[in-house]
Amino acid sequence: MPPHHDFDHEIHIENDQMPPHSHIYPLSGTELSLLQEFLDDMLSKGFIQSSQLPGGAPVIFAKKKDGTL
């Protein structure tokens, strides 16, 4: 955990309520397969671990000059 600061931010959620879940933007089939391949690789190397939390992190793909993601 990061150290405590005077300006820590806290999000209050009402009892028995879940945070909203929606996709920022839809992923194409290519992006989904690339993301799954990347996550499997990071899981196998131990860089990340699986979670059952309802929240997530956004993923954005950008094309390189050679056209790959």
C-alpha atoms as a PDB file:
ATOM      1  CA  MET A   1       0.000   0.000   0.000  1.00  0.00           C
ATOM      2  CA  PRO A   2       1.214   3.521  -0.685  1.00  0.00           C
ATOM      3  CA  PRO A   3       2.003   5.738   2.279  1.00  0.00           C
ATOM      4  CA  HIS A   4      -0.786   7.792   3.846  1.00  0.00           C
ATOM      5  CA  HIS A   5      -1.089  11.402   2.695  1.00  0.00           C
ATOM      6  CA  ASP A   6      -3.188  14.311   3.918  1.00  0.00           C
ATOM      7  CA  PHE A   7      -5.078  14.266   0.600  1.00  0.00           C
ATOM      8  CA  ASP A   8      -6.071  10.577   0.449  1.00  0.00           C
ATOM      9  CA  HIS A   9      -9.153  10.033  -1.693  1.00  0.00           C
ATOM     10  CA  GLU A  10     -12.023   7.844  -0.580  1.00  0.00           C
ATOM     11  CA  ILE A  11     -15.047   6.679  -2.549  1.00  0.00           C
ATOM     12  CA  HIS A  12     -18.128   5.998  -0.456  1.00  0.00           C
ATOM     13  CA  ILE A  13     -20.514   3.351  -1.806  1.00  0.00           C
ATOM     14  CA  GLU A  14     -23.962   2.945  -0.298  1.00  0.00           C
ATOM     15  CA  ASN A  15     -24.691  -0.321   1.510  1.00  0.00           C
ATOM     16  CA  ASP A  16     -25.358  -3.315  -0.760  1.00  0.00           C
ATOM     17  CA  GLN A  17     -24.535  -1.298  -3.900  1.00  0.00           C
ATOM     18  CA  MET A  18     -22.059  -2.320  -6.575  1.00  0.00           C
ATOM     19  CA  PRO A  19     -19.909   0.125  -8.527  1.00  0.00           C
ATOM     20  CA  PRO A  20     -21.164   0.697 -12.073  1.00  0.00           C
ATOM     21  CA  HIS A  21     -19.743  -1.667 -14.695  1.00  0.00           C
ATOM     22  CA  SER A  22     -19.552  -0.792 -18.343  1.00  0.00           C
ATOM     23  CA  HIS A  23     -17.038  -0.981 -21.139  1.00  0.00           C
ATOM     24  CA  ILE A  24     -15.317   2.247 -22.095  1.00  0.00           C
ATOM     25  CA  TYR A  25     -15.364   1.130 -25.707  1.00  0.00           C
ATOM     26  CA  PRO A  26     -15.916  -2.251 -27.393  1.00  0.00           C
ATOM     27  CA  LEU A  27     -12.861  -4.331 -28.321  1.00  0.00           C
ATOM     28  CA  SER A  28     -12.527  -5.969 -31.717  1.00  0.00           C
ATOM     29  CA  GLY A  29     -11.928  -9.715 -32.007  1.00  0.00           C
ATOM     30  CA  THR A  30      -8.247  -9.038 -32.723  1.00  0.00           C
ATOM     31  CA  GLU A  31      -7.936  -6.828 -29.649  1.00  0.00           C
ATOM     32  CA  LEU A  32      -9.711  -9.392 -27.439  1.00  0.00           C
ATOM     33  CA  SER A  33      -7.429 -12.231 -28.559  1.00  0.00           C
ATOM     34  CA  LEU A  34      -4.325 -10.047 -28.160  1.00  0.00           C
ATOM     35  CA  LEU A  35      -5.448  -9.006 -24.674  1.00  0.00           C
ATOM     36  CA  GLN A  36      -6.129 -12.626 -23.646  1.00  0.00           C
ATOM     37  CA  GLU A  37      -2.702 -13.695 -24.965  1.00  0.00           C
ATOM     38  CA  PHE A  38      -1.030 -10.840 -23.058  1.00  0.00           C
ATOM     39  CA  LEU A  39      -2.887 -11.607 -19.806  1.00  0.00           C
ATOM     40  CA  ASP A  40      -2.093 -15.337 -20.049  1.00  0.00           C
ATOM     41  CA  ASP A  41       1.589 -14.492 -20.547  1.00  0.00           C
ATOM     42  CA  MET A  42       1.664 -12.083 -17.572  1.00  0.00           C
ATOM     43  CA  LEU A  43      -0.185 -14.613 -15.362  1.00  0.00           C
ATOM     44  CA  SER A  44       2.225 -17.425 -16.275  1.00  0.00           C
ATOM     45  CA  LYS A  45       5.242 -15.204 -15.493  1.00  0.00           C
ATOM     46  CA  GLY A  46       3.732 -14.206 -12.128  1.00  0.00           C
ATOM     47  CA  PHE A  47       3.704 -10.475 -12.944  1.00  0.00           C
ATOM     48  CA  ILE A  48      -0.045 -10.306 -12.256  1.00  0.00           C
ATOM     49  CA  GLN A  49      -2.519 -12.484 -10.381  1.00  0.00           C
ATOM     50  CA  SER A  50      -6.132 -13.392 -10.976  1.00  0.00           C
ATOM     51  CA  SER A  51      -8.799 -11.438  -9.117  1.00  0.00           C
ATOM     52  CA  GLN A  52     -12.531 -11.896  -8.553  1.00  0.00           C
ATOM     53  CA  LEU A  53     -13.151  -8.245  -7.682  1.00  0.00           C
ATOM     54  CA  PRO A  54     -15.995  -6.551  -9.574  1.00  0.00           C
ATOM     55  CA  GLY A  55     -13.781  -3.664 -10.721  1.00  0.00           C
ATOM     56  CA  GLY A  56     -11.169  -3.680 -13.439  1.00  0.00           C
ATOM     57  CA  ALA A  57      -8.701  -1.572 -15.339  1.00  0.00           C
ATOM     58  CA  PRO A  58      -9.225   0.017 -18.734  1.00  0.00           C
ATOM     59  CA  VAL A  59      -7.150  -1.199 -21.671  1.00  0.00           C
ATOM     60  CA  ILE A  60      -6.421   0.960 -24.691  1.00  0.00           C
ATOM     61  CA  PHE A  61      -4.762  -0.281 -27.860  1.00  0.00           C
ATOM     62  CA  ALA A  62      -2.832   2.017 -30.205  1.00  0.00           C
ATOM     63  CA  LYS A  63      -1.496   1.143 -33.620  1.00  0.00           C
ATOM     64  CA  LYS A  64       2.250   1.365 -34.131  1.00  0.00           C
ATOM     65  CA  LYS A  65       3.790   2.840 -37.283  1.00  0.00           C
ATOM     66  CA  ASP A  66       4.044  -0.679 -38.759  1.00  0.00           C
ATOM     67  CA  GLY A  67       0.287  -1.221 -38.206  1.00  0.00           C
ATOM     68  CA  THR A  68       0.565  -3.688 -35.295  1.00  0.00           C
ATOM     69  CA  LEU A  69      -1.067  -3.090 -31.919  1.00  0.00           C
END
